[in-house]
């Protein structure tokens, strides 16, 4: 999900539909675990964003801080 996001955004309708379908599967599973669609959307978006940012920074400690912070927030 993280690696493909920018490429999919520029993709054709078929590519974007396939990506959406996978996102919907992830959201359905997260909704089961978290109890609401809203929480699932926030969790998925937070996790994907955290991975994207953590991979982009050149500081391993900051990367871990980002991942741990979002992990803790999603679990709360």
N, C-alpha and C. Protein backbone atom coordinates (compact mmCIF):
# COMPACT_ATOMS: atom_id res chain seq x y z
N UNK A 1 0.81 -1.19 0.00
CA UNK A 1 0.00 0.00 0.00
C UNK A 1 0.85 1.25 0.00
N UNK A 2 1.84 1.29 0.86
CA UNK A 2 2.66 2.49 0.99
C UNK A 2 3.43 2.75 -0.30
N UNK A 3 4.09 1.73 -0.79
CA UNK A 3 4.95 1.90 -1.96
C UNK A 3 4.18 2.22 -3.23
N UNK A 4 2.96 1.77 -3.32
CA UNK A 4 2.20 1.92 -4.56
C UNK A 4 1.33 3.16 -4.64
N UNK A 5 1.07 3.80 -3.52
CA UNK A 5 0.09 4.89 -3.47
C UNK A 5 0.26 5.95 -4.55
N UNK A 6 1.45 6.49 -4.69
CA UNK A 6 1.67 7.56 -5.66
C UNK A 6 1.51 7.05 -7.09
N UNK A 7 1.98 5.84 -7.35
CA UNK A 7 1.85 5.28 -8.69
C UNK A 7 0.39 4.97 -9.03
N UNK A 8 -0.33 4.44 -8.07
CA UNK A 8 -1.74 4.11 -8.30
C UNK A 8 -2.55 5.37 -8.57
N UNK A 9 -2.23 6.44 -7.88
CA UNK A 9 -2.96 7.69 -8.08
C UNK A 9 -2.88 8.16 -9.54
N UNK A 10 -1.82 7.80 -10.23
CA UNK A 10 -1.65 8.18 -11.64
C UNK A 10 -2.10 7.05 -12.58
N UNK A 11 -2.58 5.96 -12.02
CA UNK A 11 -2.97 4.81 -12.82
C UNK A 11 -4.33 4.97 -13.47
N UNK A 12 -4.66 4.01 -14.31
CA UNK A 12 -5.95 4.04 -14.99
C UNK A 12 -7.05 3.54 -14.04
N UNK A 13 -8.27 3.55 -14.53
CA UNK A 13 -9.42 3.17 -13.70
C UNK A 13 -9.31 1.75 -13.17
N UNK A 14 -8.78 0.83 -13.97
CA UNK A 14 -8.66 -0.57 -13.56
C UNK A 14 -7.68 -0.71 -12.39
N UNK A 15 -6.57 -0.03 -12.48
CA UNK A 15 -5.56 -0.07 -11.41
C UNK A 15 -6.11 0.54 -10.13
N UNK A 16 -6.75 1.67 -10.26
CA UNK A 16 -7.30 2.35 -9.08
C UNK A 16 -8.42 1.54 -8.44
N UNK A 17 -9.22 0.87 -9.25
CA UNK A 17 -10.30 0.03 -8.72
C UNK A 17 -9.72 -1.16 -7.95
N UNK A 18 -8.67 -1.76 -8.46
CA UNK A 18 -8.04 -2.89 -7.76
C UNK A 18 -7.45 -2.43 -6.43
N UNK A 19 -6.83 -1.27 -6.43
CA UNK A 19 -6.26 -0.72 -5.20
C UNK A 19 -7.38 -0.43 -4.18
N UNK A 20 -8.46 0.18 -4.65
CA UNK A 20 -9.60 0.47 -3.77
C UNK A 20 -10.16 -0.80 -3.15
N UNK A 21 -10.28 -1.83 -3.96
CA UNK A 21 -10.82 -3.09 -3.44
C UNK A 21 -9.94 -3.64 -2.31
N UNK A 22 -8.64 -3.54 -2.47
CA UNK A 22 -7.75 -4.01 -1.41
C UNK A 22 -7.87 -3.12 -0.17
N UNK A 23 -7.97 -1.83 -0.37
CA UNK A 23 -8.16 -0.92 0.76
C UNK A 23 -9.44 -1.26 1.50
N UNK A 24 -10.49 -1.55 0.77
CA UNK A 24 -11.76 -1.91 1.39
C UNK A 24 -11.63 -3.19 2.22
N UNK A 25 -10.84 -4.15 1.74
CA UNK A 25 -10.61 -5.38 2.52
C UNK A 25 -9.88 -5.06 3.82
N UNK A 26 -8.85 -4.24 3.72
CA UNK A 26 -8.13 -3.83 4.94
C UNK A 26 -9.06 -3.11 5.91
N UNK A 27 -9.86 -2.20 5.38
CA UNK A 27 -10.78 -1.45 6.24
C UNK A 27 -11.81 -2.35 6.91
N UNK A 28 -12.31 -3.32 6.18
CA UNK A 28 -13.29 -4.25 6.77
C UNK A 28 -12.68 -5.01 7.94
N UNK A 29 -11.46 -5.47 7.77
CA UNK A 29 -10.79 -6.20 8.85
C UNK A 29 -10.52 -5.28 10.05
N UNK A 30 -10.03 -4.09 9.78
CA UNK A 30 -9.79 -3.15 10.86
C UNK A 30 -11.08 -2.74 11.56
N UNK A 31 -12.16 -2.61 10.80
CA UNK A 31 -13.45 -2.27 11.40
C UNK A 31 -13.90 -3.36 12.37
N UNK A 32 -13.69 -4.61 11.98
CA UNK A 32 -14.01 -5.72 12.89
C UNK A 32 -13.21 -5.60 14.19
N UNK A 33 -11.96 -5.27 14.07
CA UNK A 33 -11.08 -5.20 15.23
C UNK A 33 -11.32 -3.96 16.10
N UNK A 34 -11.64 -2.84 15.45
CA UNK A 34 -11.73 -1.57 16.17
C UNK A 34 -13.16 -1.12 16.48
N UNK A 35 -14.14 -1.71 15.81
CA UNK A 35 -15.52 -1.44 16.16
C UNK A 35 -16.24 -0.36 15.36
N UNK A 36 -15.53 0.36 14.50
CA UNK A 36 -16.23 1.35 13.67
C UNK A 36 -15.44 1.64 12.40
N UNK A 37 -16.15 2.03 11.38
CA UNK A 37 -15.53 2.38 10.09
C UNK A 37 -14.62 3.59 10.27
N UNK A 38 -15.08 4.57 11.04
CA UNK A 38 -14.28 5.77 11.25
C UNK A 38 -12.93 5.44 11.89
N UNK A 39 -12.94 4.61 12.92
CA UNK A 39 -11.68 4.22 13.57
C UNK A 39 -10.80 3.44 12.60
N UNK A 40 -11.41 2.62 11.77
CA UNK A 40 -10.65 1.85 10.79
C UNK A 40 -9.96 2.77 9.78
N UNK A 41 -10.67 3.76 9.30
CA UNK A 41 -10.10 4.71 8.34
C UNK A 41 -8.95 5.48 8.97
N UNK A 42 -9.14 5.95 10.19
CA UNK A 42 -8.09 6.68 10.89
C UNK A 42 -6.88 5.79 11.13
N UNK A 43 -7.10 4.56 11.56
CA UNK A 43 -6.01 3.64 11.83
C UNK A 43 -5.23 3.33 10.56
N UNK A 44 -5.92 2.98 9.49
CA UNK A 44 -5.24 2.64 8.24
C UNK A 44 -4.45 3.83 7.71
N UNK A 45 -5.05 4.98 7.70
CA UNK A 45 -4.37 6.17 7.21
C UNK A 45 -3.16 6.52 8.08
N UNK A 46 -3.31 6.39 9.37
CA UNK A 46 -2.20 6.68 10.28
C UNK A 46 -1.06 5.69 10.08
N UNK A 47 -1.38 4.42 9.95
CA UNK A 47 -0.35 3.40 9.78
C UNK A 47 0.40 3.58 8.46
N UNK A 48 -0.32 3.80 7.39
CA UNK A 48 0.31 3.99 6.09
C UNK A 48 1.18 5.25 6.10
N UNK A 49 0.65 6.32 6.65
CA UNK A 49 1.43 7.56 6.73
C UNK A 49 2.68 7.40 7.57
N UNK A 50 2.56 6.68 8.67
CA UNK A 50 3.71 6.47 9.55
C UNK A 50 4.80 5.68 8.84
N UNK A 51 4.42 4.65 8.13
CA UNK A 51 5.42 3.86 7.40
C UNK A 51 6.10 4.72 6.33
N UNK A 52 5.31 5.51 5.61
CA UNK A 52 5.86 6.38 4.57
C UNK A 52 6.88 7.36 5.15
N UNK A 53 6.52 8.03 6.23
CA UNK A 53 7.40 9.02 6.83
C UNK A 53 8.62 8.34 7.48
N UNK A 54 8.39 7.24 8.17
CA UNK A 54 9.49 6.53 8.84
C UNK A 54 10.52 6.04 7.83
N UNK A 55 10.09 5.63 6.68
CA UNK A 55 11.02 5.19 5.64
C UNK A 55 11.79 6.35 5.03
N UNK A 56 11.19 7.53 5.03
CA UNK A 56 11.79 8.67 4.35
C UNK A 56 12.86 9.39 5.17
N UNK A 57 12.77 9.34 6.48
CA UNK A 57 13.74 10.07 7.29
C UNK A 57 15.07 9.34 7.35
N UNK A 58 16.13 10.10 7.56
CA UNK A 58 17.47 9.51 7.59
C UNK A 58 17.98 9.26 9.01
N UNK A 59 17.06 9.20 9.95
CA UNK A 59 17.43 9.02 11.36
C UNK A 59 16.66 7.81 11.90
N UNK A 60 17.37 6.74 12.20
CA UNK A 60 16.74 5.51 12.66
C UNK A 60 15.94 5.70 13.94
N UNK A 61 16.46 6.51 14.86
CA UNK A 61 15.74 6.76 16.11
C UNK A 61 14.41 7.47 15.85
N UNK A 62 14.44 8.46 14.98
CA UNK A 62 13.21 9.17 14.64
C UNK A 62 12.23 8.23 13.93
N UNK A 63 12.74 7.41 13.05
CA UNK A 63 11.90 6.45 12.36
C UNK A 63 11.18 5.54 13.35
N UNK A 64 11.92 5.00 14.30
CA UNK A 64 11.32 4.14 15.33
C UNK A 64 10.33 4.91 16.19
N UNK A 65 10.65 6.16 16.50
CA UNK A 65 9.74 6.99 17.31
C UNK A 65 8.41 7.19 16.58
N UNK A 66 8.48 7.44 15.29
CA UNK A 66 7.27 7.62 14.49
C UNK A 66 6.43 6.34 14.50
N UNK A 67 7.06 5.22 14.22
CA UNK A 67 6.34 3.95 14.16
C UNK A 67 5.75 3.57 15.52
N UNK A 68 6.53 3.73 16.57
CA UNK A 68 6.04 3.38 17.91
C UNK A 68 4.92 4.31 18.34
N UNK A 69 5.03 5.59 18.03
CA UNK A 69 3.99 6.54 18.41
C UNK A 69 2.66 6.23 17.75
N UNK A 70 2.70 5.96 16.46
CA UNK A 70 1.46 5.66 15.76
C UNK A 70 0.91 4.31 16.19
N UNK A 71 1.79 3.35 16.39
CA UNK A 71 1.35 2.04 16.88
C UNK A 71 0.59 2.18 18.19
N UNK A 72 1.16 2.95 19.11
CA UNK A 72 0.52 3.15 20.42
C UNK A 72 -0.82 3.88 20.27
N UNK A 73 -0.86 4.88 19.41
CA UNK A 73 -2.09 5.65 19.23
C UNK A 73 -3.20 4.78 18.62
N UNK A 74 -2.84 3.92 17.68
CA UNK A 74 -3.85 3.07 17.04
C UNK A 74 -4.37 2.03 18.04
N UNK A 75 -3.51 1.53 18.90
CA UNK A 75 -3.92 0.54 19.89
C UNK A 75 -4.78 1.14 20.98
N UNK A 76 -4.66 2.43 21.23
CA UNK A 76 -5.39 3.08 22.33
C UNK A 76 -6.87 3.13 22.09
